[in-house]
Amino acid sequence: MITTVVVDIEGTTSPTSSVREDLYGYTRERLPAWLAENRTGAAAPIIAAAKAQAGQPAAGTDEVAAILRGWLDSDVKAESLKAAQGLICAEGFRNGALHGEFFADVPPALRAWHADGLAVYVYSSGSVRNQQDWFTFARGGELASLVRGYFDLSTAGGKREPSSYEKIAGAIGVSGDRILFLSDHPDELDAAVAAGWHAVGLARPGEPNPPRPPHRWVDTFADIDPGAE
């Protein structure tokens, strides 16, 4: 019996365009100034990690900003980039420049599952801070009260690795056969199933990832009954 639902964000609960254009755009514009202003504070570990990953130990803040912008444009899932994005976008969520955008079918489904006693978690490559803000500052009303917890690359690992899903199951204390994972990416579904989870794919119109067997695919949360999966 399913007791827990874990959801991806980009392409699953929310349009890919809203993440790439809103969050990425806001981050890209503010990165150079934010790194320079916070280079001895919050940005220090991010700068060090980016320089180490890029193999450029002597890079200055402008060069690090260029590295991070390049990763942003290429959608590289780097922890240093995600950490910077989380901190930079936190300001945007709080001043009203940014909002979490959700497909219309998602809020009612999350509310119904929560009312039925299911535990809902989020697992996304975006930082936990970005995830929390995305649900807290959702357009149309907060959804964070429906979410039990959040996982990202630093707390769980890569989304295409079965070990990441095993780690999440251990952290929440639920066996894999009681967890349903929802994502638009076939490789992520493969990894979840390899870890013993149930999985359903989201194939929403206009989203970039095409469905792939052997998973079941739907185009709306309204077609998902966790109790029947």
Protein backbone atom coordinates (compact mmCIF):
# COMPACT_ATOMS: atom_id res chain seq x y z
CA MET A 1 0.00 0.00 0.00
CA ILE A 2 1.32 3.44 -0.95
CA THR A 3 1.79 5.71 2.07
CA THR A 4 4.16 8.26 0.56
CA VAL A 5 4.28 10.27 -2.67
CA VAL A 6 7.52 11.91 -3.80
CA VAL A 7 7.22 14.50 -6.56
CA ASP A 8 9.67 16.11 -8.95
CA ILE A 9 9.10 19.79 -9.78
CA GLU A 10 10.29 20.75 -13.27
CA GLY A 11 7.95 19.26 -15.88
CA THR A 12 6.00 17.39 -13.19
CA THR A 13 4.33 19.81 -10.78
CA SER A 14 5.41 22.90 -12.68
CA PRO A 15 6.10 24.05 -16.26
CA THR A 16 9.73 23.72 -17.27
CA SER A 17 9.51 27.21 -18.77
CA SER A 18 8.61 28.76 -15.41
CA VAL A 19 11.72 27.28 -13.81
CA ARG A 20 14.10 28.00 -16.68
CA GLU A 21 12.85 31.50 -17.49
CA ASP A 22 11.91 32.81 -14.04
CA LEU A 23 14.38 31.21 -11.61
CA TYR A 24 17.26 30.83 -14.04
CA GLY A 25 16.75 34.32 -15.46
CA TYR A 26 16.61 35.92 -12.02
CA THR A 27 19.75 34.05 -10.96
CA ARG A 28 21.68 34.80 -14.14
CA GLU A 29 21.07 38.54 -13.90
CA ARG A 30 22.14 38.81 -10.26
CA LEU A 31 25.01 36.31 -10.05
CA PRO A 32 28.03 38.62 -10.64
CA ALA A 33 26.99 41.29 -8.14
CA TRP A 34 25.86 38.74 -5.55
CA LEU A 35 29.15 36.82 -5.68
CA ALA A 36 31.16 40.03 -5.38
CA GLU A 37 29.10 41.37 -2.49
CA ASN A 38 29.13 38.09 -0.56
CA ARG A 39 32.55 36.68 -1.47
CA THR A 40 33.72 36.59 2.14
CA GLY A 41 30.36 35.44 3.50
CA ALA A 42 27.59 33.27 2.08
CA ALA A 43 29.19 33.04 -1.36
CA ALA A 44 32.61 31.89 -0.10
CA PRO A 45 31.92 28.12 -0.05
CA ILE A 46 30.05 28.38 -3.35
CA ILE A 47 32.99 30.15 -5.01
CA ALA A 48 35.43 27.56 -3.64
CA ALA A 49 33.30 24.63 -4.81
CA ALA A 50 32.78 26.13 -8.28
CA LYS A 51 36.51 26.78 -8.73
CA ALA A 52 37.32 23.24 -7.63
CA GLN A 53 34.78 21.65 -9.97
CA ALA A 54 35.88 23.83 -12.90
CA GLY A 55 39.57 23.19 -12.19
CA GLN A 56 40.28 26.92 -11.99
CA PRO A 57 41.66 27.56 -8.47
CA ALA A 58 42.85 31.09 -9.32
CA ALA A 59 39.55 32.31 -10.77
CA GLY A 60 38.20 35.64 -9.52
CA THR A 61 34.56 36.35 -8.75
CA ASP A 62 33.83 37.56 -12.30
CA GLU A 63 35.30 34.34 -13.70
CA VAL A 64 33.31 32.25 -11.22
CA ALA A 65 30.16 34.11 -12.22
CA ALA A 66 30.91 33.25 -15.87
CA ILE A 67 31.44 29.59 -14.92
CA LEU A 68 28.16 29.43 -13.00
CA ARG A 69 26.29 31.24 -15.79
CA GLY A 70 27.66 28.72 -18.27
CA TRP A 71 26.44 25.85 -16.11
CA LEU A 72 23.07 27.57 -15.76
CA ASP A 73 22.72 27.94 -19.53
CA SER A 74 23.71 24.27 -20.03
CA ASP A 75 21.49 23.07 -17.15
CA VAL A 76 24.44 21.49 -15.35
CA LYS A 77 23.29 20.02 -12.03
CA ALA A 78 26.14 21.46 -9.95
CA GLU A 79 25.60 21.78 -6.19
CA SER A 80 27.44 25.12 -6.05
CA LEU A 81 25.15 26.56 -8.72
CA LYS A 82 22.02 25.26 -7.01
CA ALA A 83 23.18 26.70 -3.67
CA ALA A 84 23.80 30.11 -5.24
CA GLN A 85 20.44 30.02 -6.99
CA GLY A 86 18.66 29.19 -3.75
CA LEU A 87 20.18 32.13 -1.90
CA ILE A 88 19.75 34.62 -4.75
CA CYS A 89 16.15 33.66 -5.52
CA ALA A 90 15.15 33.74 -1.86
CA GLU A 91 15.15 37.53 -2.15
CA GLY A 92 13.01 37.40 -5.29
CA PHE A 93 10.38 35.20 -3.67
CA ARG A 94 10.17 37.53 -0.68
CA ASN A 95 9.92 40.77 -2.64
CA GLY A 96 7.23 39.41 -4.96
CA ALA A 97 9.40 39.14 -8.08
CA LEU A 98 9.14 35.34 -8.09
CA HIS A 99 6.33 32.87 -7.45
CA GLY A 100 6.03 29.12 -7.60
CA GLU A 101 4.10 28.22 -10.73
CA PHE A 102 2.08 24.98 -10.77
CA PHE A 103 -0.03 23.11 -13.29
CA ALA A 104 -3.70 23.61 -12.43
CA ASP A 105 -4.23 19.93 -11.56
CA VAL A 106 -1.44 19.83 -8.97
CA PRO A 107 -2.76 21.85 -5.97
CA PRO A 108 -6.09 19.97 -5.70
CA ALA A 109 -4.32 16.61 -6.00
CA LEU A 110 -1.78 17.52 -3.31
CA ARG A 111 -4.57 18.70 -1.01
CA ALA A 112 -6.54 15.50 -1.59
CA TRP A 113 -3.56 13.26 -0.92
CA HIS A 114 -2.71 15.23 2.21
CA ALA A 115 -6.31 14.94 3.42
CA ASP A 116 -6.16 11.19 2.81
CA GLY A 117 -3.16 10.92 5.12
CA LEU A 118 -0.49 10.43 2.48
CA ALA A 119 2.92 11.93 3.18
CA VAL A 120 4.12 14.14 0.33
CA TYR A 121 7.80 14.87 -0.26
CA VAL A 122 9.66 16.77 -2.96
CA TYR A 123 12.84 15.59 -4.69
CA SER A 124 14.32 18.04 -7.19
CA SER A 125 17.74 19.05 -8.47
CA GLY A 126 16.98 22.58 -7.27
CA SER A 127 18.20 23.41 -3.79
CA VAL A 128 16.02 22.60 -0.81
CA ARG A 129 15.74 26.33 -0.17
CA ASN A 130 14.44 26.97 -3.70
CA GLN A 131 11.99 24.08 -3.34
CA GLN A 132 10.65 25.40 -0.04
CA ASP A 133 10.23 28.88 -1.48
CA TRP A 134 8.59 27.49 -4.64
CA PHE A 135 5.86 25.84 -2.56
CA THR A 136 5.64 28.56 0.10
CA PHE A 137 5.24 31.40 -2.38
CA ALA A 138 3.07 29.48 -4.87
CA ARG A 139 0.94 31.68 -7.05
CA GLY A 140 -2.64 31.32 -5.83
CA GLY A 141 -1.72 30.33 -2.29
CA GLU A 142 0.93 28.47 -0.33
CA LEU A 143 1.35 24.72 -0.76
CA ALA A 144 4.26 24.15 1.62
CA SER A 145 1.94 23.03 4.43
CA LEU A 146 1.10 19.98 2.29
CA VAL A 147 4.74 18.89 2.02
CA ARG A 148 6.44 16.76 4.69
CA GLY A 149 10.02 17.39 3.49
CA TYR A 150 12.39 18.18 0.64
CA PHE A 151 15.43 16.49 -0.94
CA ASP A 152 18.01 17.80 -3.41
CA LEU A 153 21.38 16.83 -4.89
CA SER A 154 23.29 17.57 -1.69
CA THR A 155 20.94 15.68 0.64
CA ALA A 156 20.03 12.71 -1.56
CA GLY A 157 22.36 12.58 -4.59
CA GLY A 158 21.84 12.49 -8.34
CA LYS A 159 18.33 11.84 -9.58
CA ARG A 160 19.38 9.11 -12.00
CA GLU A 161 21.07 7.01 -9.32
CA PRO A 162 19.09 4.25 -7.52
CA SER A 163 21.17 4.90 -4.40
CA SER A 164 19.60 8.37 -4.11
CA TYR A 165 16.13 6.87 -3.83
CA GLU A 166 17.36 4.31 -1.32
CA LYS A 167 18.82 7.17 0.71
CA ILE A 168 15.52 9.06 0.68
CA ALA A 169 13.59 5.96 1.75
CA GLY A 170 16.00 5.49 4.64
CA ALA A 171 15.75 9.15 5.65
CA ILE A 172 11.95 9.14 5.81
CA GLY A 173 11.76 5.64 7.29
CA VAL A 174 9.52 4.13 4.61
CA SER A 175 10.20 1.02 2.55
CA GLY A 176 10.44 1.54 -1.19
CA ASP A 177 7.37 -0.55 -1.98
CA ARG A 178 5.26 2.03 -0.11
CA ILE A 179 6.59 5.02 -2.06
CA LEU A 180 5.22 6.41 -5.33
CA PHE A 181 7.53 8.65 -7.36
CA LEU A 182 6.21 11.11 -9.96
CA SER A 183 8.53 12.58 -12.57
CA ASP A 184 8.64 13.62 -16.23
CA HIS A 185 12.09 12.10 -16.80
CA PRO A 186 12.33 8.41 -17.81
CA ASP A 187 15.84 7.99 -16.37
CA GLU A 188 14.64 9.17 -12.97
CA LEU A 189 11.71 6.77 -13.09
CA ASP A 190 14.13 3.95 -13.98
CA ALA A 191 16.31 4.77 -10.98
CA ALA A 192 13.35 4.92 -8.58
CA VAL A 193 12.03 1.56 -9.77
CA ALA A 194 15.51 0.05 -9.46
CA ALA A 195 15.42 1.14 -5.81
CA GLY A 196 12.13 -0.71 -5.30
CA TRP A 197 9.77 2.27 -5.59
CA HIS A 198 6.57 2.56 -7.59
CA ALA A 199 6.69 5.21 -10.34
CA VAL A 200 4.38 7.03 -12.73
CA GLY A 201 5.57 9.33 -15.50
CA LEU A 202 4.09 12.74 -16.33
CA ALA A 203 3.86 13.42 -20.07
CA ARG A 204 2.45 16.93 -20.16
CA PRO A 205 1.84 18.79 -23.44
CA GLY A 206 4.73 21.07 -24.35
CA GLU A 207 7.22 19.53 -21.93
CA PRO A 208 10.58 18.33 -23.30
CA ASN A 209 10.87 14.72 -22.08
CA PRO A 210 8.98 12.13 -24.17
CA PRO A 211 7.48 9.10 -22.39
CA ARG A 212 9.33 5.80 -22.51
CA PRO A 213 8.30 2.24 -21.60
CA PRO A 214 7.89 0.36 -19.37
CA HIS A 215 6.42 3.01 -17.07
CA ARG A 216 2.82 4.15 -16.94
CA TRP A 217 2.42 7.71 -18.18
CA VAL A 218 -0.34 10.27 -17.55
CA ASP A 219 -0.72 13.92 -18.43
CA THR A 220 -2.38 15.13 -15.23
CA PHE A 221 -2.24 14.43 -11.50
CA ALA A 222 -6.02 13.90 -11.69
CA ASP A 223 -5.32 10.52 -13.32
CA ILE A 224 -3.16 9.32 -10.43
CA ASP A 225 -4.68 7.34 -7.57
CA PRO A 226 -1.81 6.48 -5.20
CA GLY A 227 -3.89 3.76 -3.62
CA ALA A 228 -4.21 1.96 -6.95
CA GLU A 229 -0.60 2.24 -8.11
